[in-house]
Amino acid sequence: MKRETPVACGLTVFTGEQREAYKKIWGELETRRTGIAELEHGYEHQFPGDAETLRLIHEWVSMERVCCPFLTFSVIARNIEEPILLQLTGNEDVKAFLKTDLQLNIDLITGQS
């Protein structure tokens, strides 16, 4: 029987340099994000379809899956004219975690924290 991975980020898996790179990559992706949609088991982030954004998404996913192994990542990329979709999904606890994380970011952006 497969054991459930706990829903907890392990940012201590990164060195200080890696943590800074992680923050820089996600910060850049946040400036490029064009939308967020709720899915049944998580959220979908939408980004422009260009090659540099796709590279950043893949770099971020390769780091994120180390510190947050409870997430399932799906990257959907078609042609450069269509958005890149990054889906972060999991069980009910994962979706609740993602929703809280999104709300914290929204509050920071809107100054409501």
PDB file of N, CA and C in Angstrom:
ATOM      1  N   MET A   1       0.848  -1.180   0.000  1.00  0.00           N
ATOM      2  CA  MET A   1       0.000   0.000   0.000  1.00  0.00           C
ATOM      3  C   MET A   1       0.896   1.247   0.000  1.00  0.00           C
ATOM      4  N   LYS A   2       0.577   2.207  -0.846  1.00  0.00           N
ATOM      5  CA  LYS A   2       1.352   3.437  -0.954  1.00  0.00           C
ATOM      6  C   LYS A   2       1.036   4.352   0.227  1.00  0.00           C
ATOM      7  N   ARG A   3       2.078   4.867   0.854  1.00  0.00           N
ATOM      8  CA  ARG A   3       1.925   5.777   1.985  1.00  0.00           C
ATOM      9  C   ARG A   3       1.747   7.207   1.477  1.00  0.00           C
ATOM     10  N   GLU A   4       0.839   7.951   2.104  1.00  0.00           N
ATOM     11  CA  GLU A   4       0.612   9.345   1.740  1.00  0.00           C
ATOM     12  C   GLU A   4       1.817  10.195   2.136  1.00  0.00           C
ATOM     13  N   THR A   5       2.233  11.049   1.246  1.00  0.00           N
ATOM     14  CA  THR A   5       3.298  12.004   1.545  1.00  0.00           C
ATOM     15  C   THR A   5       2.679  13.151   2.327  1.00  0.00           C
ATOM     16  N   PRO A   6       3.272  13.548   3.455  1.00  0.00           N
ATOM     17  CA  PRO A   6       2.700  14.659   4.229  1.00  0.00           C
ATOM     18  C   PRO A   6       2.707  15.960   3.429  1.00  0.00           C
ATOM     19  N   VAL A   7       1.684  16.780   3.668  1.00  0.00           N
ATOM     20  CA  VAL A   7       1.563  18.064   2.981  1.00  0.00           C
ATOM     21  C   VAL A   7       2.340  19.091   3.792  1.00  0.00           C
ATOM     22  N   ALA A   8       3.626  19.162   3.515  1.00  0.00           N
ATOM     23  CA  ALA A   8       4.518  20.112   4.198  1.00  0.00           C
ATOM     24  C   ALA A   8       5.707  20.391   3.293  1.00  0.00           C
ATOM     25  N   CYS A   9       5.994  21.678   3.115  1.00  0.00           N
ATOM     26  CA  CYS A   9       7.139  22.058   2.294  1.00  0.00           C
ATOM     27  C   CYS A   9       8.428  21.824   3.062  1.00  0.00           C
ATOM     28  N   GLY A  10       9.430  21.335   2.358  1.00  0.00           N
ATOM     29  CA  GLY A  10      10.732  21.085   2.956  1.00  0.00           C
ATOM     30  C   GLY A  10      11.788  21.995   2.368  1.00  0.00           C
ATOM     31  N   LEU A  11      11.654  23.297   2.590  1.00  0.00           N
ATOM     32  CA  LEU A  11      12.602  24.248   2.006  1.00  0.00           C
ATOM     33  C   LEU A  11      14.011  24.078   2.545  1.00  0.00           C
ATOM     34  N   THR A  12      14.166  23.333   3.635  1.00  0.00           N
ATOM     35  CA  THR A  12      15.509  23.103   4.190  1.00  0.00           C
ATOM     36  C   THR A  12      16.329  22.168   3.309  1.00  0.00           C
ATOM     37  N   VAL A  13      15.715  21.589   2.288  1.00  0.00           N
ATOM     38  CA  VAL A  13      16.459  20.722   1.371  1.00  0.00           C
ATOM     39  C   VAL A  13      17.369  21.536   0.462  1.00  0.00           C
ATOM     40  N   PHE A  14      17.154  22.850   0.414  1.00  0.00           N
ATOM     41  CA  PHE A  14      17.949  23.714  -0.442  1.00  0.00           C
ATOM     42  C   PHE A  14      19.084  24.370   0.327  1.00  0.00           C
ATOM     43  N   THR A  15      20.186  24.580  -0.360  1.00  0.00           N
ATOM     44  CA  THR A  15      21.248  25.417   0.184  1.00  0.00           C
ATOM     45  C   THR A  15      20.764  26.866   0.086  1.00  0.00           C
ATOM     46  N   GLY A  16      21.441  27.781   0.716  1.00  0.00           N
ATOM     47  CA  GLY A  16      21.068  29.186   0.625  1.00  0.00           C
ATOM     48  C   GLY A  16      21.058  29.677  -0.811  1.00  0.00           C
ATOM     49  N   GLU A  17      22.043  29.266  -1.588  1.00  0.00           N
ATOM     50  CA  GLU A  17      22.137  29.657  -2.992  1.00  0.00           C
ATOM     51  C   GLU A  17      20.961  29.091  -3.798  1.00  0.00           C
ATOM     52  N   GLN A  18      20.624  27.833  -3.544  1.00  0.00           N
ATOM     53  CA  GLN A  18      19.501  27.213  -4.247  1.00  0.00           C
ATOM     54  C   GLN A  18      18.182  27.892  -3.873  1.00  0.00           C
ATOM     55  N   ARG A  19      18.026  28.242  -2.592  1.00  0.00           N
ATOM     56  CA  ARG A  19      16.801  28.909  -2.134  1.00  0.00           C
ATOM     57  C   ARG A  19      16.643  30.258  -2.835  1.00  0.00           C
ATOM     58  N   GLU A  20      17.740  30.997  -2.993  1.00  0.00           N
ATOM     59  CA  GLU A  20      17.692  32.281  -3.695  1.00  0.00           C
ATOM     60  C   GLU A  20      17.320  32.088  -5.166  1.00  0.00           C
ATOM     61  N   ALA A  21      17.886  31.068  -5.802  1.00  0.00           N
ATOM     62  CA  ALA A  21      17.560  30.773  -7.206  1.00  0.00           C
ATOM     63  C   ALA A  21      16.084  30.406  -7.333  1.00  0.00           C
ATOM     64  N   TYR A  22      15.593  29.594  -6.410  1.00  0.00           N
ATOM     65  CA  TYR A  22      14.187  29.183  -6.381  1.00  0.00           C
ATOM     66  C   TYR A  22      13.279  30.412  -6.291  1.00  0.00           C
ATOM     67  N   LYS A  23      13.571  31.306  -5.348  1.00  0.00           N
ATOM     68  CA  LYS A  23      12.761  32.517  -5.169  1.00  0.00           C
ATOM     69  C   LYS A  23      12.803  33.394  -6.418  1.00  0.00           C
ATOM     70  N   LYS A  24      13.980  33.513  -7.018  1.00  0.00           N
ATOM     71  CA  LYS A  24      14.135  34.345  -8.212  1.00  0.00           C
ATOM     72  C   LYS A  24      13.314  33.789  -9.378  1.00  0.00           C
ATOM     73  N   ILE A  25      13.370  32.472  -9.562  1.00  0.00           N
ATOM     74  CA  ILE A  25      12.622  31.838 -10.655  1.00  0.00           C
ATOM     75  C   ILE A  25      11.127  32.028 -10.445  1.00  0.00           C
ATOM     76  N   TRP A  26      10.624  31.736  -9.226  1.00  0.00           N
ATOM     77  CA  TRP A  26       9.186  31.869  -8.992  1.00  0.00           C
ATOM     78  C   TRP A  26       8.767  33.333  -9.083  1.00  0.00           C
ATOM     79  N   GLY A  27       9.607  34.242  -8.610  1.00  0.00           N
ATOM     80  CA  GLY A  27       9.298  35.665  -8.722  1.00  0.00           C
ATOM     81  C   GLY A  27       9.131  36.083 -10.181  1.00  0.00           C
ATOM     82  N   GLU A  28      10.018  35.585 -11.033  1.00  0.00           N
ATOM     83  CA  GLU A  28       9.922  35.886 -12.461  1.00  0.00           C
ATOM     84  C   GLU A  28       8.656  35.270 -13.053  1.00  0.00           C
ATOM     85  N   LEU A  29       8.334  34.046 -12.648  1.00  0.00           N
ATOM     86  CA  LEU A  29       7.119  33.410 -13.161  1.00  0.00           C
ATOM     87  C   LEU A  29       5.871  34.162 -12.712  1.00  0.00           C
ATOM     88  N   GLU A  30       5.883  34.664 -11.477  1.00  0.00           N
ATOM     89  CA  GLU A  30       4.717  35.418 -11.003  1.00  0.00           C
ATOM     90  C   GLU A  30       4.478  36.665 -11.851  1.00  0.00           C
ATOM     91  N   THR A  31       5.552  37.302 -12.337  1.00  0.00           N
ATOM     92  CA  THR A  31       5.367  38.489 -13.179  1.00  0.00           C
ATOM     93  C   THR A  31       4.845  38.113 -14.563  1.00  0.00           C
ATOM     94  N   ARG A  32       5.062  36.884 -14.968  1.00  0.00           N
ATOM     95  CA  ARG A  32       4.621  36.414 -16.293  1.00  0.00           C
ATOM     96  C   ARG A  32       3.240  35.757 -16.271  1.00  0.00           C
ATOM     97  N   ARG A  33       2.784  35.351 -15.089  1.00  0.00           N
ATOM     98  CA  ARG A  33       1.508  34.623 -14.993  1.00  0.00           C
ATOM     99  C   ARG A  33       0.369  35.488 -15.518  1.00  0.00           C
ATOM    100  N   THR A  34      -0.472  34.881 -16.350  1.00  0.00           N
ATOM    101  CA  THR A  34      -1.602  35.606 -16.937  1.00  0.00           C
ATOM    102  C   THR A  34      -2.932  35.213 -16.317  1.00  0.00           C
ATOM    103  N   GLY A  35      -2.943  34.162 -15.513  1.00  0.00           N
ATOM    104  CA  GLY A  35      -4.189  33.754 -14.877  1.00  0.00           C
ATOM    105  C   GLY A  35      -4.007  32.546 -13.989  1.00  0.00           C
ATOM    106  N   ILE A  36      -5.011  32.336 -13.143  1.00  0.00           N
ATOM    107  CA  ILE A  36      -5.061  31.151 -12.280  1.00  0.00           C
ATOM    108  C   ILE A  36      -6.494  30.637 -12.338  1.00  0.00           C
ATOM    109  N   ALA A  37      -6.629  29.329 -12.511  1.00  0.00           N
ATOM    110  CA  ALA A  37      -7.957  28.715 -12.537  1.00  0.00           C
ATOM    111  C   ALA A  37      -7.998  27.589 -11.506  1.00  0.00           C
ATOM    112  N   GLU A  38      -9.123  27.469 -10.851  1.00  0.00           N
ATOM    113  CA  GLU A  38      -9.301  26.389  -9.889  1.00  0.00           C
ATOM    114  C   GLU A  38      -9.657  25.108 -10.633  1.00  0.00           C
ATOM    115  N   LEU A  39      -9.036  24.017 -10.223  1.00  0.00           N
ATOM    116  CA  LEU A  39      -9.328  22.696 -10.753  1.00  0.00           C
ATOM    117  C   LEU A  39      -9.967  21.857  -9.653  1.00  0.00           C
ATOM    118  N   GLU A  40     -10.495  20.714  -9.998  1.00  0.00           N
ATOM    119  CA  GLU A  40     -11.121  19.852  -8.993  1.00  0.00           C
ATOM    120  C   GLU A  40     -10.142  19.484  -7.883  1.00  0.00           C
ATOM    121  N   HIS A  41      -8.886  19.207  -8.245  1.00  0.00           N
ATOM    122  CA  HIS A  41      -7.899  18.751  -7.258  1.00  0.00           C
ATOM    123  C   HIS A  41      -6.714  19.696  -7.098  1.00  0.00           C
ATOM    124  N   GLY A  42      -6.888  20.975  -7.465  1.00  0.00           N
ATOM    125  CA  GLY A  42      -5.779  21.906  -7.329  1.00  0.00           C
ATOM    126  C   GLY A  42      -6.008  23.182  -8.112  1.00  0.00           C
ATOM    127  N   TYR A  43      -4.921  23.694  -8.681  1.00  0.00           N
ATOM    128  CA  TYR A  43      -4.980  24.964  -9.412  1.00  0.00           C
ATOM    129  C   TYR A  43      -4.129  24.895 -10.669  1.00  0.00           C
ATOM    130  N   GLU A  44      -4.518  25.697 -11.639  1.00  0.00           N
ATOM    131  CA  GLU A  44      -3.805  25.776 -12.894  1.00  0.00           C
ATOM    132  C   GLU A  44      -3.338  27.217 -13.097  1.00  0.00           C
ATOM    133  N   HIS A  45      -2.038  27.380 -13.267  1.00  0.00           N
ATOM    134  CA  HIS A  45      -1.439  28.683 -13.549  1.00  0.00           C
ATOM    135  C   HIS A  45      -1.237  28.781 -15.051  1.00  0.00           C
ATOM    136  N   GLN A  46      -1.584  29.941 -15.611  1.00  0.00           N
ATOM    137  CA  GLN A  46      -1.442  30.155 -17.049  1.00  0.00           C
ATOM    138  C   GLN A  46      -0.333  31.168 -17.309  1.00  0.00           C
ATOM    139  N   PHE A  47       0.487  30.840 -18.298  1.00  0.00           N
ATOM    140  CA  PHE A  47       1.635  31.671 -18.661  1.00  0.00           C
ATOM    141  C   PHE A  47       1.687  31.839 -20.175  1.00  0.00           C
ATOM    142  N   PRO A  48       2.411  32.864 -20.655  1.00  0.00           N
ATOM    143  CA  PRO A  48       2.612  33.001 -22.099  1.00  0.00           C
ATOM    144  C   PRO A  48       3.323  31.768 -22.660  1.00  0.00           C
ATOM    145  N   GLY A  49       3.156  31.522 -23.944  1.00  0.00           N
ATOM    146  CA  GLY A  49       3.686  30.310 -24.566  1.00  0.00           C
ATOM    147  C   GLY A  49       5.120  30.373 -25.058  1.00  0.00           C
ATOM    148  N   ASP A  50       5.873  31.402 -24.678  1.00  0.00           N
ATOM    149  CA  ASP A  50       7.234  31.557 -25.202  1.00  0.00           C
ATOM    150  C   ASP A  50       8.219  30.556 -24.580  1.00  0.00           C
ATOM    151  N   ALA A  51       9.328  30.357 -25.269  1.00  0.00           N
ATOM    152  CA  ALA A  51      10.334  29.366 -24.875  1.00  0.00           C
ATOM    153  C   ALA A  51      10.986  29.694 -23.529  1.00  0.00           C
ATOM    154  N   GLU A  52      11.246  30.965 -23.252  1.00  0.00           N
ATOM    155  CA  GLU A  52      11.890  31.343 -21.983  1.00  0.00           C
ATOM    156  C   GLU A  52      10.986  31.046 -20.795  1.00  0.00           C
ATOM    157  N   THR A  53       9.693  31.314 -20.931  1.00  0.00           N
ATOM    158  CA  THR A  53       8.753  30.995 -19.845  1.00  0.00           C
ATOM    159  C   THR A  53       8.698  29.492 -19.634  1.00  0.00           C
ATOM    160  N   LEU A  54       8.674  28.725 -20.700  1.00  0.00           N
ATOM    161  CA  LEU A  54       8.665  27.265 -20.576  1.00  0.00           C
ATOM    162  C   LEU A  54       9.927  26.772 -19.863  1.00  0.00           C
ATOM    163  N   ARG A  55      11.069  27.360 -20.188  1.00  0.00           N
ATOM    164  CA  ARG A  55      12.317  26.981 -19.526  1.00  0.00           C
ATOM    165  C   ARG A  55      12.243  27.277 -18.027  1.00  0.00           C
ATOM    166  N   LEU A  56      11.730  28.457 -17.668  1.00  0.00           N
ATOM    167  CA  LEU A  56      11.599  28.817 -16.255  1.00  0.00           C
ATOM    168  C   LEU A  56      10.653  27.883 -15.523  1.00  0.00           C
ATOM    169  N   ILE A  57       9.548  27.519 -16.157  1.00  0.00           N
ATOM    170  CA  ILE A  57       8.590  26.600 -15.534  1.00  0.00           C
ATOM    171  C   ILE A  57       9.259  25.258 -15.264  1.00  0.00           C
ATOM    172  N   HIS A  58       9.976  24.735 -16.228  1.00  0.00           N
ATOM    173  CA  HIS A  58      10.640  23.442 -16.033  1.00  0.00           C
ATOM    174  C   HIS A  58      11.714  23.520 -14.951  1.00  0.00           C
ATOM    175  N   GLU A  59      12.429  24.615 -14.901  1.00  0.00           N
ATOM    176  CA  GLU A  59      13.444  24.788 -13.864  1.00  0.00           C
ATOM    177  C   GLU A  59      12.783  24.859 -12.486  1.00  0.00           C
ATOM    178  N   TRP A  60      11.669  25.598 -12.376  1.00  0.00           N
ATOM    179  CA  TRP A  60      10.952  25.712 -11.109  1.00  0.00           C
ATOM    180  C   TRP A  60      10.381  24.363 -10.677  1.00  0.00           C
ATOM    181  N   VAL A  61       9.767  23.644 -11.604  1.00  0.00           N
ATOM    182  CA  VAL A  61       9.193  22.339 -11.264  1.00  0.00           C
ATOM    183  C   VAL A  61      10.285  21.395 -10.778  1.00  0.00           C
ATOM    184  N   SER A  62      11.450  21.421 -11.415  1.00  0.00           N
ATOM    185  CA  SER A  62      12.526  20.515 -10.993  1.00  0.00           C
ATOM    186  C   SER A  62      12.966  20.804  -9.567  1.00  0.00           C
ATOM    187  N   MET A  63      12.867  22.045  -9.122  1.00  0.00           N
ATOM    188  CA  MET A  63      13.208  22.393  -7.741  1.00  0.00           C
ATOM    189  C   MET A  63      12.025  22.128  -6.809  1.00  0.00           C
ATOM    190  N   GLU A  64      10.849  22.521  -7.212  1.00  0.00           N
ATOM    191  CA  GLU A  64       9.654  22.412  -6.370  1.00  0.00           C
ATOM    192  C   GLU A  64       9.336  20.960  -6.010  1.00  0.00           C
ATOM    193  N   ARG A  65       9.578  20.064  -6.915  1.00  0.00           N
ATOM    194  CA  ARG A  65       9.250  18.656  -6.621  1.00  0.00           C
ATOM    195  C   ARG A  65      10.172  18.061  -5.573  1.00  0.00           C
ATOM    196  N   VAL A  66      11.321  18.697  -5.318  1.00  0.00           N
ATOM    197  CA  VAL A  66      12.223  18.249  -4.252  1.00  0.00           C
ATOM    198  C   VAL A  66      11.695  18.698  -2.891  1.00  0.00           C
ATOM    199  N   CYS A  67      11.246  19.959  -2.800  1.00  0.00           N
ATOM    200  CA  CYS A  67      10.802  20.476  -1.504  1.00  0.00           C
ATOM    201  C   CYS A  67       9.331  20.185  -1.217  1.00  0.00           C
ATOM    202  N   CYS A  68       8.541  19.907  -2.227  1.00  0.00           N
ATOM    203  CA  CYS A  68       7.106  19.652  -2.047  1.00  0.00           C
ATOM    204  C   CYS A  68       6.694  18.378  -2.795  1.00  0.00           C
ATOM    205  N   PRO A  69       7.154  17.220  -2.315  1.00  0.00           N
ATOM    206  CA  PRO A  69       6.880  15.970  -3.022  1.00  0.00           C
ATOM    207  C   PRO A  69       5.420  15.537  -2.999  1.00  0.00           C
ATOM    208  N   PHE A  70       4.588  16.234  -2.263  1.00  0.00           N
ATOM    209  CA  PHE A  70       3.161  15.917  -2.195  1.00  0.00           C
ATOM    210  C   PHE A  70       2.387  16.452  -3.392  1.00  0.00           C
ATOM    211  N   LEU A  71       3.006  17.317  -4.192  1.00  0.00           N
ATOM    212  CA  LEU A  71       2.340  17.902  -5.351  1.00  0.00           C
ATOM    213  C   LEU A  71       2.501  17.022  -6.585  1.00  0.00           C
ATOM    214  N   THR A  72       1.503  17.069  -7.443  1.00  0.00           N
ATOM    215  CA  THR A  72       1.600  16.478  -8.773  1.00  0.00           C
ATOM    216  C   THR A  72       1.656  17.644  -9.751  1.00  0.00           C
ATOM    217  N   PHE A  73       2.639  17.616 -10.639  1.00  0.00           N
ATOM    218  CA  PHE A  73       2.868  18.694 -11.593  1.00  0.00           C
ATOM    219  C   PHE A  73       2.500  18.230 -12.991  1.00  0.00           C
ATOM    220  N   SER A  74       1.764  19.059 -13.699  1.00  0.00           N
ATOM    221  CA  SER A  74       1.470  18.811 -15.106  1.00  0.00           C
ATOM    222  C   SER A  74       1.760  20.099 -15.867  1.00  0.00           C
ATOM    223  N   VAL A  75       2.594  19.995 -16.880  1.00  0.00           N
ATOM    224  CA  VAL A  75       2.898  21.141 -17.734  1.00  0.00           C
ATOM    225  C   VAL A  75       2.319  20.826 -19.103  1.00  0.00           C
ATOM    226  N   ILE A  76       1.445  21.706 -19.563  1.00  0.00           N
ATOM    227  CA  ILE A  76       0.812  21.533 -20.861  1.00  0.00           C
ATOM    228  C   ILE A  76       1.282  22.677 -21.753  1.00  0.00           C
ATOM    229  N   ALA A  77       2.000  22.316 -22.788  1.00  0.00           N
ATOM    230  CA  ALA A  77       2.528  23.321 -23.712  1.00  0.00           C
ATOM    231  C   ALA A  77       2.184  22.890 -25.131  1.00  0.00           C
ATOM    232  N   ARG A  78       1.539  23.779 -25.831  1.00  0.00           N
ATOM    233  CA  ARG A  78       1.206  23.524 -27.226  1.00  0.00           C
ATOM    234  C   ARG A  78       2.124  24.380 -28.080  1.00  0.00           C
ATOM    235  N   ASN A  79       1.591  25.142 -28.997  1.00  0.00           N
ATOM    236  CA  ASN A  79       2.444  26.018 -29.812  1.00  0.00           C
ATOM    237  C   ASN A  79       2.671  27.337 -29.071  1.00  0.00           C
ATOM    238  N   ILE A  80       3.590  28.152 -29.572  1.00  0.00           N
ATOM    239  CA  ILE A  80       3.963  29.370 -28.855  1.00  0.00           C
ATOM    240  C   ILE A  80       2.848  30.417 -28.808  1.00  0.00           C
ATOM    241  N   GLU A  81       1.821  30.244 -29.619  1.00  0.00           N
ATOM    242  CA  GLU A  81       0.696  31.179 -29.615  1.00  0.00           C
ATOM    243  C   GLU A  81      -0.304  30.882 -28.494  1.00  0.00           C
ATOM    244  N   GLU A  82      -0.207  29.692 -27.915  1.00  0.00           N
ATOM    245  CA  GLU A  82      -1.143  29.286 -26.860  1.00  0.00           C
ATOM    246  C   GLU A  82      -0.447  29.314 -25.506  1.00  0.00           C
ATOM    247  N   PRO A  83      -1.220  29.544 -24.430  1.00  0.00           N
ATOM    248  CA  PRO A  83      -0.597  29.620 -23.111  1.00  0.00           C
ATOM    249  C   PRO A  83      -0.021  28.281 -22.657  1.00  0.00           C
ATOM    250  N   ILE A  84       0.981  28.388 -21.811  1.00  0.00           N
ATOM    251  CA  ILE A  84       1.514  27.215 -21.114  1.00  0.00           C
ATOM    252  C   ILE A  84       0.699  27.080 -19.840  1.00  0.00           C
ATOM    253  N   LEU A  85       0.262  25.880 -19.551  1.00  0.00           N
ATOM    254  CA  LEU A  85      -0.536  25.616 -18.363  1.00  0.00           C
ATOM    255  C   LEU A  85       0.301  24.789 -17.386  1.00  0.00           C
ATOM    256  N   LEU A  86       0.405  25.273 -16.165  1.00  0.00           N
ATOM    257  CA  LEU A  86       1.096  24.556 -15.097  1.00  0.00           C
ATOM    258  C   LEU A  86       0.053  24.173 -14.069  1.00  0.00           C
ATOM    259  N   GLN A  87      -0.226  22.869 -13.986  1.00  0.00           N
ATOM    260  CA  GLN A  87      -1.219  22.385 -13.044  1.00  0.00           C
ATOM    261  C   GLN A  87      -0.525  21.805 -11.825  1.00  0.00           C
ATOM    262  N   LEU A  88      -0.956  22.277 -10.646  1.00  0.00           N
ATOM    263  CA  LEU A  88      -0.477  21.761  -9.364  1.00  0.00           C
ATOM    264  C   LEU A  88      -1.669  21.096  -8.699  1.00  0.00           C
ATOM    265  N   THR A  89      -1.576  19.798  -8.490  1.00  0.00           N
ATOM    266  CA  THR A  89      -2.720  19.052  -7.979  1.00  0.00           C
ATOM    267  C   THR A  89      -2.297  18.059  -6.901  1.00  0.00           C
ATOM    268  N   GLY A  90      -3.305  17.501  -6.246  1.00  0.00           N
ATOM    269  CA  GLY A  90      -3.092  16.494  -5.209  1.00  0.00           C
ATOM    270  C   GLY A  90      -4.416  16.169  -4.549  1.00  0.00           C
ATOM    271  N   ASN A  91      -4.343  15.665  -3.320  1.00  0.00           N
ATOM    272  CA  ASN A  91      -5.569  15.312  -2.604  1.00  0.00           C
ATOM    273  C   ASN A  91      -6.230  16.564  -2.009  1.00  0.00           C
ATOM    274  N   GLU A  92      -7.280  16.383  -1.195  1.00  0.00           N
ATOM    275  CA  GLU A  92      -8.004  17.522  -0.618  1.00  0.00           C
ATOM    276  C   GLU A  92      -7.095  18.398   0.241  1.00  0.00           C
ATOM    277  N   ASP A  93      -6.193  17.782   1.010  1.00  0.00           N
ATOM    278  CA  ASP A  93      -5.271  18.545   1.851  1.00  0.00           C
ATOM    279  C   ASP A  93      -4.329  19.393   0.999  1.00  0.00           C
ATOM    280  N   VAL A  94      -3.901  18.839  -0.123  1.00  0.00           N
ATOM    281  CA  VAL A  94      -3.017  19.573  -1.035  1.00  0.00           C
ATOM    282  C   VAL A  94      -3.753  20.784  -1.600  1.00  0.00           C
ATOM    283  N   LYS A  95      -4.990  20.589  -2.022  1.00  0.00           N
ATOM    284  CA  LYS A  95      -5.744  21.707  -2.579  1.00  0.00           C
ATOM    285  C   LYS A  95      -5.945  22.792  -1.530  1.00  0.00           C
ATOM    286  N   ALA A  96      -6.237  22.413  -0.287  1.00  0.00           N
ATOM    287  CA  ALA A  96      -6.400  23.398   0.786  1.00  0.00           C
ATOM    288  C   ALA A  96      -5.093  24.155   1.021  1.00  0.00           C
ATOM    289  N   PHE A  97      -3.971  23.443   0.992  1.00  0.00           N
ATOM    290  CA  PHE A  97      -2.658  24.071   1.148  1.00  0.00           C
ATOM    291  C   PHE A  97      -2.413  25.074   0.033  1.00  0.00           C
ATOM    292  N   LEU A  98      -2.680  24.673  -1.213  1.00  0.00           N
ATOM    293  CA  LEU A  98      -2.475  25.554  -2.364  1.00  0.00           C
ATOM    294  C   LEU A  98      -3.369  26.793  -2.279  1.00  0.00           C
ATOM    295  N   LYS A  99      -4.608  26.603  -1.828  1.00  0.00           N
ATOM    296  CA  LYS A  99      -5.535  27.727  -1.710  1.00  0.00           C
ATOM    297  C   LYS A  99      -5.034  28.717  -0.668  1.00  0.00           C
ATOM    298  N   THR A 100      -4.550  28.224   0.462  1.00  0.00           N
ATOM    299  CA  THR A 100      -4.000  29.092   1.502  1.00  0.00           C
ATOM    300  C   THR A 100      -2.788  29.840   0.972  1.00  0.00           C
ATOM    301  N   ASP A 101      -1.909  29.146   0.266  1.00  0.00           N
ATOM    302  CA  ASP A 101      -0.707  29.757  -0.298  1.00  0.00           C
ATOM    303  C   ASP A 101      -1.085  30.846  -1.313  1.00  0.00           C
ATOM    304  N   LEU A 102      -2.063  30.562  -2.152  1.00  0.00           N
ATOM    305  CA  LEU A 102      -2.525  31.556  -3.129  1.00  0.00           C
ATOM    306  C   LEU A 102      -3.114  32.781  -2.429  1.00  0.00           C
ATOM    307  N   GLN A 103      -3.909  32.546  -1.384  1.00  0.00           N
ATOM    308  CA  GLN A 103      -4.545  33.659  -0.681  1.00  0.00           C
ATOM    309  C   GLN A 103      -3.498  34.541  -0.009  1.00  0.00           C
ATOM    310  N   LEU A 104      -2.454  33.923   0.549  1.00  0.00           N
ATOM    311  CA  LEU A 104      -1.379  34.708   1.154  1.00  0.00           C
ATOM    312  C   LEU A 104      -0.719  35.604   0.105  1.00  0.00           C
ATOM    313  N   ASN A 105      -0.480  35.061  -1.081  1.00  0.00           N
ATOM    314  CA  ASN A 105       0.104  35.865  -2.165  1.00  0.00           C
ATOM    315  C   ASN A 105      -0.835  36.973  -2.606  1.00  0.00           C
ATOM    316  N   ILE A 106      -2.119  36.686  -2.695  1.00  0.00           N
ATOM    317  CA  ILE A 106      -3.113  37.693  -3.077  1.00  0.00           C
ATOM    318  C   ILE A 106      -3.146  38.798  -2.031  1.00  0.00           C
ATOM    319  N   ASP A 107      -3.130  38.435  -0.748  1.00  0.00           N
ATOM    320  CA  ASP A 107      -3.154  39.428   0.330  1.00  0.00           C
ATOM    321  C   ASP A 107      -1.913  40.307   0.291  1.00  0.00           C
ATOM    322  N   LEU A 108      -0.752  39.709   0.006  1.00  0.00           N
ATOM    323  CA  LEU A 108       0.476  40.497  -0.094  1.00  0.00           C
ATOM    324  C   LEU A 108       0.395  41.495  -1.237  1.00  0.00           C
ATOM    325  N   ILE A 109      -0.117  41.042  -2.377  1.00  0.00           N
ATOM    326  CA  ILE A 109      -0.211  41.897  -3.559  1.00  0.00           C
ATOM    327  C   ILE A 109      -1.187  43.040  -3.333  1.00  0.00           C
ATOM    328  N   THR A 110      -2.310  42.744  -2.672  1.00  0.00           N
ATOM    329  CA  THR A 110      -3.345  43.761  -2.486  1.00  0.00           C
ATOM    330  C   THR A 110      -3.182  44.546  -1.185  1.00  0.00           C
ATOM    331  N   GLY A 111      -2.164  44.193  -0.381  1.00  0.00           N
ATOM    332  CA  GLY A 111      -1.905  44.920   0.861  1.00  0.00           C
ATOM    333  C   GLY A 111      -2.876  44.609   1.976  1.00  0.00           C
ATOM    334  N   GLN A 112      -3.524  43.443   1.917  1.00  0.00           N
ATOM    335  CA  GLN A 112      -4.521  43.078   2.932  1.00  0.00           C
ATOM    336  C   GLN A 112      -3.967  42.186   4.017  1.00  0.00           C
ATOM    337  N   SER A 113      -2.662  41.957   4.047  1.00  0.00           N
ATOM    338  CA  SER A 113      -2.102  41.074   5.076  1.00  0.00           C
ATOM    339  C   SER A 113      -1.854  41.824   6.360  1.00  0.00           C
TER     340      SER A 113
END
